[in-house]
C-alpha atoms as a PDB file:
ATOM      1  CA  UNK A   1     -18.650   2.943   6.515  1.00  0.00           C
ATOM      2  CA  UNK A   2     -16.655   0.680   7.538  1.00  0.00           C
ATOM      3  CA  UNK A   3     -13.149   0.124   5.304  1.00  0.00           C
ATOM      4  CA  UNK A   4     -12.719  -2.751   2.761  1.00  0.00           C
ATOM      5  CA  UNK A   5      -9.858  -4.070   0.617  1.00  0.00           C
ATOM      6  CA  UNK A   6     -11.396  -2.337  -2.155  1.00  0.00           C
ATOM      7  CA  UNK A   7     -11.424   1.625  -0.462  1.00  0.00           C
ATOM      8  CA  UNK A   8      -7.747   0.754   0.281  1.00  0.00           C
ATOM      9  CA  UNK A   9      -6.720  -0.273  -3.320  1.00  0.00           C
ATOM     10  CA  UNK A  10      -8.404   2.972  -4.667  1.00  0.00           C
ATOM     11  CA  UNK A  11      -6.410   5.139  -2.074  1.00  0.00           C
ATOM     12  CA  UNK A  12      -3.325   3.484  -3.014  1.00  0.00           C
ATOM     13  CA  UNK A  13      -3.801   3.704  -6.828  1.00  0.00           C
ATOM     14  CA  UNK A  14      -4.975   7.224  -6.007  1.00  0.00           C
ATOM     15  CA  UNK A  15      -1.982   8.030  -4.025  1.00  0.00           C
ATOM     16  CA  UNK A  16       1.242   6.129  -5.247  1.00  0.00           C
ATOM     17  CA  UNK A  17       2.027   5.145  -8.671  1.00  0.00           C
ATOM     18  CA  UNK A  18       1.691   1.642  -8.823  1.00  0.00           C
ATOM     19  CA  UNK A  19       2.322  -0.565 -11.340  1.00  0.00           C
ATOM     20  CA  UNK A  20       0.750  -3.611  -9.589  1.00  0.00           C
ATOM     21  CA  UNK A  21      -1.190  -3.561  -6.265  1.00  0.00           C
ATOM     22  CA  UNK A  22      -3.499  -6.138  -4.916  1.00  0.00           C
ATOM     23  CA  UNK A  23      -5.095  -5.992  -1.539  1.00  0.00           C
ATOM     24  CA  UNK A  24      -6.731  -8.542   0.591  1.00  0.00           C
ATOM     25  CA  UNK A  25      -8.628  -7.844   3.927  1.00  0.00           C
ATOM     26  CA  UNK A  26     -11.372  -9.162   6.345  1.00  0.00           C
ATOM     27  CA  UNK A  27     -12.184  -5.683   7.429  1.00  0.00           C
ATOM     28  CA  UNK A  28     -10.112  -5.523  10.575  1.00  0.00           C
ATOM     29  CA  UNK A  29      -6.641  -6.564   9.326  1.00  0.00           C
ATOM     30  CA  UNK A  30      -5.038  -6.460   5.526  1.00  0.00           C
ATOM     31  CA  UNK A  31      -2.256  -7.253   3.310  1.00  0.00           C
ATOM     32  CA  UNK A  32      -1.107  -5.296   0.258  1.00  0.00           C
ATOM     33  CA  UNK A  33       1.589  -5.834  -2.555  1.00  0.00           C
ATOM     34  CA  UNK A  34       2.306  -2.705  -3.767  1.00  0.00           C
ATOM     35  CA  UNK A  35       4.762  -2.843  -6.866  1.00  0.00           C
ATOM     36  CA  UNK A  36       5.883   0.796  -7.855  1.00  0.00           C
ATOM     37  CA  UNK A  37       8.598   2.760  -9.438  1.00  0.00           C
ATOM     38  CA  UNK A  38       8.480   5.458  -6.561  1.00  0.00           C
ATOM     39  CA  UNK A  39      10.281   2.263  -4.392  1.00  0.00           C
ATOM     40  CA  UNK A  40      13.558   2.211  -6.549  1.00  0.00           C
ATOM     41  CA  UNK A  41      16.521   2.959  -4.298  1.00  0.00           C
ATOM     42  CA  UNK A  42      14.797   3.355  -1.354  1.00  0.00           C
ATOM     43  CA  UNK A  43      15.019   1.169   2.116  1.00  0.00           C
ATOM     44  CA  UNK A  44      12.067  -0.766   3.270  1.00  0.00           C
ATOM     45  CA  UNK A  45      10.968   2.153   5.612  1.00  0.00           C
ATOM     46  CA  UNK A  46      11.377   4.860   3.351  1.00  0.00           C
ATOM     47  CA  UNK A  47       9.232   2.753   1.066  1.00  0.00           C
ATOM     48  CA  UNK A  48       6.246   2.077   4.016  1.00  0.00           C
ATOM     49  CA  UNK A  49       6.565   6.109   4.498  1.00  0.00           C
ATOM     50  CA  UNK A  50       4.907   6.504   1.141  1.00  0.00           C
ATOM     51  CA  UNK A  51       2.358   3.907   1.586  1.00  0.00           C
ATOM     52  CA  UNK A  52       1.487   5.512   4.874  1.00  0.00           C
ATOM     53  CA  UNK A  53       1.443   9.161   3.116  1.00  0.00           C
ATOM     54  CA  UNK A  54      -0.400   8.048   0.205  1.00  0.00           C
ATOM     55  CA  UNK A  55      -3.232   6.662   3.030  1.00  0.00           C
ATOM     56  CA  UNK A  56      -3.023   9.816   4.929  1.00  0.00           C
ATOM     57  CA  UNK A  57      -5.109  10.272   7.979  1.00  0.00           C
ATOM     58  CA  UNK A  58      -6.919   6.892   6.814  1.00  0.00           C
ATOM     59  CA  UNK A  59      -3.962   5.061   8.400  1.00  0.00           C
ATOM     60  CA  UNK A  60      -4.589   6.623  11.807  1.00  0.00           C
ATOM     61  CA  UNK A  61      -8.592   6.584  11.467  1.00  0.00           C
ATOM     62  CA  UNK A  62      -9.531   3.798   9.360  1.00  0.00           C
ATOM     63  CA  UNK A  63      -6.895   1.534   8.831  1.00  0.00           C
ATOM     64  CA  UNK A  64      -6.220  -0.609  12.128  1.00  0.00           C
ATOM     65  CA  UNK A  65      -3.916  -3.138  10.657  1.00  0.00           C
ATOM     66  CA  UNK A  66      -1.972  -3.119   7.191  1.00  0.00           C
ATOM     67  CA  UNK A  67       1.095  -5.376   6.423  1.00  0.00           C
ATOM     68  CA  UNK A  68       2.844  -4.681   3.355  1.00  0.00           C
ATOM     69  CA  UNK A  69       5.415  -5.944   0.631  1.00  0.00           C
ATOM     70  CA  UNK A  70       6.670  -2.990  -1.557  1.00  0.00           C
ATOM     71  CA  UNK A  71       8.572  -3.710  -4.575  1.00  0.00           C
ATOM     72  CA  UNK A  72      10.264  -2.018  -7.206  1.00  0.00           C
ATOM     73  CA  UNK A  73       9.130  -3.287 -11.067  1.00  0.00           C
ATOM     74  CA  UNK A  74      12.214  -4.871 -11.284  1.00  0.00           C
ATOM     75  CA  UNK A  75      12.032  -6.993  -8.230  1.00  0.00           C
ATOM     76  CA  UNK A  76       8.576  -8.092  -8.889  1.00  0.00           C
ATOM     77  CA  UNK A  77       9.699  -9.535 -12.022  1.00  0.00           C
ATOM     78  CA  UNK A  78      12.440 -10.757 -10.748  1.00  0.00           C
END
């Protein structure tokens, strides 16, 4: 089964509290806009680590390229 944007969306929604989540991709390369209160007070690398933790082993095995924009709800509104 190939990975789809919908699958990644589901993985992220299940593993990370998101107030807004968009995932797009072509089966090889994906991009995500992830808005989560969990990102408050964290640097970009720490935010990405939270996303990788939510995706777990899928990041190594299924998802080959994921670019992400990680924002807090306040940053997203601003």
